[in-house]
Protein backbone atom coordinates (compact mmCIF):
# COMPACT_ATOMS: atom_id res chain seq x y z
CA MET A 1 0.00 0.00 0.00
CA VAL A 2 1.30 3.45 -0.86
CA LEU A 3 0.11 6.36 1.25
CA ARG A 4 0.51 9.76 -0.37
CA THR A 5 -1.47 12.07 1.93
CA PRO A 6 -2.57 12.30 5.54
CA GLN A 7 -6.05 11.42 4.24
CA ASP A 8 -4.64 8.11 2.94
CA ALA A 9 -2.97 7.56 6.32
CA LEU A 10 -6.22 8.23 8.16
CA TYR A 11 -8.03 5.63 6.06
CA ALA A 12 -5.31 3.05 6.76
CA LEU A 13 -5.29 3.80 10.48
CA VAL A 14 -9.03 3.37 10.92
CA SER A 15 -9.77 0.57 8.46
CA ASP A 16 -6.67 -1.54 7.80
CA TRP A 17 -4.52 -1.16 10.92
CA PRO A 18 -3.37 -4.43 12.55
CA ILE A 19 -3.83 -3.18 16.13
CA HIS A 20 -6.46 -0.98 17.71
CA GLY A 21 -6.06 1.37 20.63
CA GLY A 22 -2.38 2.10 20.29
CA VAL A 23 -1.28 5.43 21.74
CA HIS A 24 0.51 6.49 18.56
CA GLN A 25 -2.32 5.20 16.38
CA GLN A 26 -4.89 7.40 18.13
CA ARG A 27 -2.57 10.40 18.17
CA THR A 28 -1.95 10.05 14.44
CA ILE A 29 -5.68 9.73 13.74
CA ASP A 30 -6.17 13.00 15.65
CA PHE A 31 -3.32 14.62 13.70
CA CYS A 32 -4.77 13.45 10.37
CA ARG A 33 -8.13 14.98 11.26
CA ALA A 34 -6.39 18.21 12.28
CA TRP A 35 -4.60 18.23 8.90
CA LEU A 36 -7.94 17.84 7.11
CA ALA A 37 -9.19 20.87 9.07
CA GLY A 38 -6.10 22.87 8.08
CA ARG A 39 -4.62 22.92 11.59
CA MET A 40 -1.67 20.54 11.23
CA PRO A 41 1.26 20.43 8.79
CA ALA A 42 1.55 17.25 6.71
CA GLU A 43 5.15 16.71 7.85
CA THR A 44 4.01 16.48 11.48
CA VAL A 45 1.41 13.91 10.46
CA ARG A 46 4.07 11.93 8.56
CA GLN A 47 6.32 11.78 11.63
CA ALA A 48 3.41 10.68 13.82
CA PHE A 49 2.46 8.01 11.29
CA ILE A 50 5.99 6.60 11.37
CA LEU A 51 5.71 6.24 15.16
CA ALA A 52 2.31 4.57 14.80
CA ALA A 53 3.74 2.15 12.25
CA LEU A 54 6.62 1.27 14.56
CA GLU A 55 4.16 0.76 17.42
CA ALA A 56 2.08 -1.64 15.30
CA GLY A 57 4.99 -3.45 13.66
CA VAL A 58 3.92 -2.19 10.23
CA PRO A 59 6.87 -2.08 7.82
CA ILE A 60 7.34 1.25 6.07
CA ASP A 61 9.48 2.42 3.19
CA ASP A 62 9.91 6.16 3.54
CA HIS A 63 11.61 6.78 0.18
CA GLU A 64 10.51 9.22 -2.48
CA ASP A 65 10.86 9.14 -6.24
CA ASP A 66 12.27 12.05 -8.29
CA ALA A 67 8.87 13.77 -8.24
CA GLY A 68 8.70 13.73 -4.43
CA HIS A 69 6.11 10.96 -4.19
CA ALA A 70 6.39 8.20 -1.64
CA VAL A 71 7.47 4.90 -3.14
CA ASP A 72 6.70 1.51 -1.66
CA SER A 73 9.43 -0.86 -2.85
CA ARG A 74 8.13 -3.99 -1.13
C-alpha cells in the first residue's frame, strides 16, 4: 500500500490497521483529522504516522521518487 497524503494515512489507520487502541495510532488519527481541518502540517502527520507504524509493527518504506512521491518498494 502506498500512502501519499494524511487522508490516505487516516483511512489506513481506521480501516486496515493491525492493532487498535495504540497510543501512537490514536494520536496520528487526531493529527490526520487536524490536517484535514487545516490545523496541522503534513510533515508532522508523517512523523506521527511513522511512530504509529513502529508501534504496530507495520513495515514502512519512507523513500521518495524524483517527483517527491512516496514509493513503496516492497
